[in-house]
Amino acid sequence: MAKIIDYTDIPLDDLVLGRGQARLSKPGKDVEELAESIAVQGLLQPILVCEARKPGKWEILVGQRRFLAHKMLGKESIAAAVLDGRVEEGEAKAISITENLIRRKLSGKELKDGIRYLYNIYASVDDVYEATGLPKQQIRGYVKYPRLIPELKKLVDDEVVDVNVALKAQDASEDDDGIPNAEVAITLAREMQVMTGVQRNNVVRDRRDNPEKPIEDVVEDAKTGGRVVQVIATVSAATHRAIQAYASEENMNQDEALVGLIEEALSGHGLLG
């Protein structure tokens, strides 16, 4: 991983925007507001740069809005943190995404695009997790986002439903030929968004076992706990810590994590369809 070796002022004419910048969709958004803030308070955090491919130039890895705001203010230079060498595009994207998550939350679409880009570079959920610190379940959902039907993509982009909920809803809406019913998928997605993980799994299972059952009955049975049995187990302290760690990593509560682990194990033994 690259390290910062210097802090210095760099002329704006010597800077180029890096391809790894996370905010590629609307890089000029809110720049005027940021420029007004910088004019009053000054630059609170330097941009991050590395050597560009072109000799004598520096590539902006993080801070394109700060750079554009300085240009708008007519400034000649900007404070920058300088890395110790060239950074590959994938690593630059990871740096940009992570920094924006901390400083200024990325929009749903920007975040999804960035995560899918990183996955294409690293080809591993674990590597994307190491680079960004995002929950693995969230990363897995964003990687699968392209297979959603357009109607569900819109709900996810508008942040009405979570991508993982949309995927479950789509699976639950498919007919015997694997073709999703858009109207059913939308209804299920909206209902499942406020359900627990156990309830969502019950919806998917009920739809698979009873495809002709009315959607409202499927939803009602899931909400009222139809065919749900509570099991109490005693585990060691080490196992409990492992469950807590898994739940945190997957952005679940402990009940959802346990149900998922149990169902996965039973399915692997052929005991759960």
Protein backbone atom coordinates (compact mmCIF):
# COMPACT_ATOMS: atom_id res chain seq x y z
CA MET A 1 0.00 0.00 0.00
CA ALA A 2 1.29 3.45 -0.97
CA LYS A 3 2.33 5.85 1.83
CA ILE A 4 2.28 9.63 2.17
CA ILE A 5 5.81 11.05 2.06
CA ASP A 6 5.20 14.80 1.76
CA TYR A 7 2.71 17.66 2.12
CA THR A 8 3.18 20.52 -0.31
CA ASP A 9 1.41 23.14 -2.44
CA ILE A 10 1.10 22.07 -6.09
CA PRO A 11 0.20 24.41 -8.98
CA LEU A 12 -3.26 23.62 -10.39
CA ASP A 13 -1.78 23.51 -13.89
CA ASP A 14 0.39 20.57 -12.81
CA LEU A 15 -2.57 18.44 -11.72
CA VAL A 16 -4.67 15.94 -13.69
CA LEU A 17 -7.78 14.06 -12.54
CA GLY A 18 -7.15 10.39 -11.92
CA ARG A 19 -9.33 7.71 -13.56
CA GLY A 20 -9.81 6.15 -10.14
CA GLN A 21 -11.89 9.06 -8.80
CA ALA A 22 -15.10 7.71 -7.28
CA ARG A 23 -17.26 10.70 -8.26
CA LEU A 24 -17.27 10.33 -12.03
CA SER A 25 -21.03 10.71 -12.60
CA LYS A 26 -21.39 14.37 -11.51
CA PRO A 27 -17.95 15.68 -10.54
CA GLY A 28 -19.12 19.31 -10.55
CA LYS A 29 -22.01 18.82 -8.12
CA ASP A 30 -21.89 21.13 -5.09
CA VAL A 31 -18.56 22.59 -6.22
CA GLU A 32 -19.85 26.16 -5.96
CA GLU A 33 -20.99 25.55 -2.37
CA LEU A 34 -17.62 24.01 -1.53
CA ALA A 35 -15.81 26.96 -3.14
CA GLU A 36 -17.75 29.36 -0.91
CA SER A 37 -16.74 27.32 2.16
CA ILE A 38 -13.07 27.27 1.14
CA ALA A 39 -13.14 31.02 0.49
CA VAL A 40 -14.23 31.58 4.10
CA GLN A 41 -12.53 28.78 6.04
CA GLY A 42 -9.69 27.80 3.73
CA LEU A 43 -8.92 24.23 2.66
CA LEU A 44 -9.51 21.97 5.68
CA GLN A 45 -8.00 18.82 4.17
CA PRO A 46 -5.39 18.50 1.40
CA ILE A 47 -6.03 16.50 -1.74
CA LEU A 48 -4.18 13.22 -2.31
CA VAL A 49 -1.89 12.83 -5.32
CA CYS A 50 0.73 10.57 -6.86
CA GLU A 51 3.07 10.95 -9.81
CA ALA A 52 1.19 11.01 -13.11
CA ARG A 53 2.25 9.08 -16.20
CA LYS A 54 3.10 12.36 -17.87
CA PRO A 55 6.42 13.71 -16.51
CA GLY A 56 6.08 16.77 -14.31
CA LYS A 57 2.38 16.19 -13.61
CA TRP A 58 0.54 14.93 -10.51
CA GLU A 59 -2.53 12.69 -10.58
CA ILE A 60 -5.40 13.50 -8.21
CA LEU A 61 -6.50 10.33 -6.44
CA VAL A 62 -8.80 11.99 -3.88
CA GLY A 63 -10.15 15.53 -3.94
CA GLN A 64 -11.44 16.38 -7.40
CA ARG A 65 -14.19 18.62 -5.94
CA ARG A 66 -11.61 20.51 -3.86
CA PHE A 67 -9.45 20.89 -6.99
CA LEU A 68 -12.40 22.17 -9.07
CA ALA A 69 -13.41 24.57 -6.27
CA HIS A 70 -9.88 26.03 -6.25
CA LYS A 71 -10.07 26.55 -10.01
CA MET A 72 -13.45 28.28 -9.57
CA LEU A 73 -11.88 30.60 -6.98
CA GLY A 74 -9.06 31.45 -9.36
CA LYS A 75 -6.37 30.05 -7.07
CA GLU A 76 -3.00 29.06 -8.51
CA SER A 77 -2.15 26.12 -6.23
CA ILE A 78 -3.62 23.69 -3.71
CA ALA A 79 -2.29 21.84 -0.66
CA ALA A 80 -1.65 18.17 -1.40
CA ALA A 81 -0.52 15.00 0.33
CA VAL A 82 1.96 13.20 -1.93
CA LEU A 83 2.25 9.41 -2.12
CA ASP A 84 5.58 7.64 -2.55
CA GLY A 85 4.92 6.34 -6.05
CA ARG A 86 2.50 5.49 -8.81
CA VAL A 87 -0.80 3.93 -7.75
CA GLU A 88 -2.60 1.42 -9.94
CA GLU A 89 -6.13 2.31 -11.03
CA GLY A 90 -7.78 -0.31 -8.82
CA GLU A 91 -5.97 0.87 -5.70
CA ALA A 92 -6.72 4.50 -6.58
CA LYS A 93 -10.42 3.66 -6.88
CA ALA A 94 -10.36 1.94 -3.49
CA ILE A 95 -8.66 4.96 -1.89
CA SER A 96 -11.20 7.32 -3.45
CA ILE A 97 -14.24 5.27 -2.47
CA THR A 98 -13.05 4.79 1.10
CA GLU A 99 -12.14 8.45 1.56
CA ASN A 100 -15.51 9.59 0.22
CA LEU A 101 -17.34 7.16 2.49
CA ILE A 102 -15.65 8.76 5.48
CA ARG A 103 -15.79 12.41 4.42
CA ARG A 104 -18.96 12.67 2.34
CA LYS A 105 -21.28 9.71 1.85
CA LEU A 106 -21.40 8.52 -1.74
CA SER A 107 -24.79 8.22 -3.40
CA GLY A 108 -26.26 4.77 -3.92
CA LYS A 109 -25.41 4.62 -7.63
CA GLU A 110 -21.89 5.97 -7.18
CA LEU A 111 -21.18 3.47 -4.44
CA LYS A 112 -22.57 0.53 -6.43
CA ASP A 113 -20.57 1.51 -9.51
CA GLY A 114 -17.40 1.83 -7.44
CA ILE A 115 -17.84 -1.51 -5.70
CA ARG A 116 -18.54 -3.33 -8.98
CA TYR A 117 -15.47 -1.67 -10.49
CA LEU A 118 -13.31 -2.86 -7.59
CA TYR A 119 -14.74 -6.37 -7.80
CA ASN A 120 -13.84 -6.51 -11.50
CA ILE A 121 -10.29 -5.49 -10.58
CA TYR A 122 -9.82 -7.74 -7.53
CA ALA A 123 -12.27 -10.57 -8.44
CA SER A 124 -12.73 -11.25 -4.72
CA VAL A 125 -15.27 -10.06 -2.14
CA ASP A 126 -12.61 -10.47 0.57
CA ASP A 127 -10.17 -8.18 -1.28
CA VAL A 128 -12.84 -5.51 -1.81
CA TYR A 129 -13.68 -5.78 1.90
CA GLU A 130 -10.00 -5.33 2.83
CA ALA A 131 -9.75 -2.28 0.55
CA THR A 132 -12.94 -0.50 1.65
CA GLY A 133 -14.07 -1.96 4.98
CA LEU A 134 -17.66 -2.26 3.70
CA PRO A 135 -19.71 -5.23 5.00
CA LYS A 136 -19.20 -8.32 2.84
CA GLN A 137 -22.95 -8.86 2.51
CA GLN A 138 -23.29 -5.36 1.06
CA ILE A 139 -20.44 -5.98 -1.37
CA ARG A 140 -21.97 -9.29 -2.51
CA GLY A 141 -25.27 -7.52 -3.11
CA TYR A 142 -23.72 -4.77 -5.24
CA VAL A 143 -21.80 -7.34 -7.29
CA LYS A 144 -25.11 -9.09 -8.07
CA TYR A 145 -26.94 -5.80 -8.81
CA PRO A 146 -26.61 -6.09 -12.64
CA ARG A 147 -28.89 -9.16 -12.69
CA LEU A 148 -31.82 -7.21 -11.22
CA ILE A 149 -34.72 -6.35 -13.52
CA PRO A 150 -34.98 -2.61 -14.39
CA GLU A 151 -37.94 -2.02 -12.05
CA LEU A 152 -35.98 -3.28 -9.04
CA LYS A 153 -32.81 -1.45 -10.07
CA LYS A 154 -34.80 1.78 -9.90
CA LEU A 155 -36.02 0.98 -6.37
CA VAL A 156 -32.43 0.30 -5.31
CA ASP A 157 -31.06 3.42 -7.04
CA ASP A 158 -33.76 5.52 -5.35
CA GLU A 159 -32.76 3.87 -2.03
CA VAL A 160 -36.30 2.60 -1.47
CA VAL A 161 -35.07 -0.95 -0.90
CA ASP A 162 -31.73 -2.59 -0.18
CA VAL A 163 -30.07 -4.45 -3.05
CA ASN A 164 -30.07 -7.74 -1.11
CA VAL A 165 -33.80 -7.38 -0.44
CA ALA A 166 -34.39 -6.67 -4.14
CA LEU A 167 -32.50 -9.83 -5.08
CA LYS A 168 -34.60 -11.95 -2.71
CA ALA A 169 -37.80 -10.34 -3.99
CA GLN A 170 -36.82 -11.04 -7.59
CA ASP A 171 -36.01 -14.67 -6.79
CA ALA A 172 -39.37 -15.02 -5.03
CA SER A 173 -41.23 -13.56 -8.03
CA GLU A 174 -39.80 -15.98 -10.64
CA ASP A 175 -42.04 -18.50 -12.41
CA ASP A 176 -41.13 -22.12 -13.21
CA ASP A 177 -39.02 -20.92 -16.14
CA GLY A 178 -37.03 -18.53 -13.94
CA ILE A 179 -38.67 -15.40 -15.40
CA PRO A 180 -39.39 -12.66 -12.80
CA ASN A 181 -42.82 -11.04 -12.55
CA ALA A 182 -42.05 -7.31 -12.26
CA GLU A 183 -45.32 -6.41 -10.48
CA VAL A 184 -44.92 -9.19 -7.92
CA ALA A 185 -41.22 -8.39 -7.44
CA ILE A 186 -41.94 -4.72 -6.70
CA THR A 187 -44.67 -5.60 -4.19
CA LEU A 188 -42.49 -8.15 -2.44
CA ALA A 189 -39.46 -5.84 -2.36
CA ARG A 190 -41.39 -3.05 -0.65
CA GLU A 191 -42.91 -5.46 1.89
CA MET A 192 -39.67 -7.37 2.53
CA GLN A 193 -37.66 -4.20 3.14
CA VAL A 194 -39.17 -3.85 6.62
CA MET A 195 -39.00 -7.57 7.44
CA THR A 196 -36.37 -9.43 9.42
CA GLY A 197 -33.99 -11.82 7.68
CA VAL A 198 -36.00 -14.81 8.92
CA GLN A 199 -39.24 -13.35 7.55
CA ARG A 200 -37.63 -12.67 4.17
CA ASN A 201 -36.38 -16.24 3.95
CA ASN A 202 -39.90 -17.44 4.77
CA VAL A 203 -41.30 -15.37 1.89
CA VAL A 204 -38.85 -16.92 -0.57
CA ARG A 205 -39.53 -20.45 0.72
CA ASP A 206 -43.31 -19.99 0.76
CA ARG A 207 -43.32 -18.66 -2.79
CA ARG A 208 -41.19 -21.58 -3.94
CA ASP A 209 -43.36 -24.20 -2.22
CA ASN A 210 -46.71 -22.53 -2.97
CA PRO A 211 -46.37 -20.57 -6.24
CA GLU A 212 -50.15 -20.15 -6.61
CA LYS A 213 -50.62 -18.70 -3.12
CA PRO A 214 -51.81 -15.04 -3.16
CA ILE A 215 -49.00 -12.56 -2.50
CA GLU A 216 -50.88 -10.88 0.35
CA ASP A 217 -51.18 -14.24 2.13
CA VAL A 218 -47.46 -14.95 1.67
CA VAL A 219 -46.59 -11.56 3.15
CA GLU A 220 -49.04 -11.89 6.03
CA ASP A 221 -47.80 -15.38 6.96
CA ALA A 222 -44.21 -14.13 6.96
CA LYS A 223 -45.06 -11.14 9.16
CA THR A 224 -47.12 -13.12 11.67
CA GLY A 225 -44.52 -15.83 11.99
CA GLY A 226 -46.31 -18.63 10.22
CA ARG A 227 -44.48 -21.95 10.58
CA VAL A 228 -41.63 -20.38 12.60
CA VAL A 229 -40.26 -22.31 15.60
CA GLN A 230 -37.93 -20.78 18.17
CA VAL A 231 -34.86 -22.86 19.05
CA ILE A 232 -32.69 -22.06 22.10
CA ALA A 233 -29.10 -23.29 22.06
CA THR A 234 -26.22 -22.99 24.51
CA VAL A 235 -22.81 -22.28 22.98
CA SER A 236 -19.30 -21.60 24.25
CA ALA A 237 -18.00 -18.07 24.71
CA ALA A 238 -15.68 -18.55 21.74
CA THR A 239 -18.58 -19.64 19.51
CA HIS A 240 -20.65 -16.68 20.69
CA ARG A 241 -17.82 -14.27 19.81
CA ALA A 242 -17.53 -15.91 16.39
CA ILE A 243 -21.27 -15.48 15.79
CA GLN A 244 -21.08 -11.83 16.83
CA ALA A 245 -18.12 -11.24 14.52
CA TYR A 246 -19.92 -12.92 11.61
CA ALA A 247 -23.10 -10.92 12.23
CA SER A 248 -21.13 -7.67 12.33
CA GLU A 249 -19.17 -8.56 9.21
CA GLU A 250 -22.36 -9.40 7.30
CA ASN A 251 -24.29 -6.38 8.67
CA MET A 252 -26.93 -8.62 10.33
CA ASN A 253 -28.29 -9.10 13.80
CA GLN A 254 -27.34 -12.32 15.61
CA ASP A 255 -30.67 -14.05 14.94
CA GLU A 256 -30.39 -13.44 11.19
CA ALA A 257 -26.78 -14.58 11.16
CA LEU A 258 -27.57 -17.79 13.04
CA VAL A 259 -30.53 -18.65 10.83
CA GLY A 260 -28.42 -18.12 7.73
CA LEU A 261 -25.60 -20.30 9.04
CA ILE A 262 -27.98 -23.08 10.12
CA GLU A 263 -29.90 -23.08 6.84
CA GLU A 264 -26.65 -23.08 4.85
CA ALA A 265 -25.37 -26.07 6.84
CA LEU A 266 -28.64 -28.01 6.51
CA SER A 267 -28.81 -27.31 2.79
CA GLY A 268 -25.24 -28.55 2.41
CA HIS A 269 -26.28 -31.87 3.98
CA GLY A 270 -29.31 -32.11 1.73
CA LEU A 271 -31.73 -31.75 4.63
CA LEU A 272 -33.25 -28.43 3.54
CA GLY A 273 -34.50 -27.79 0.05
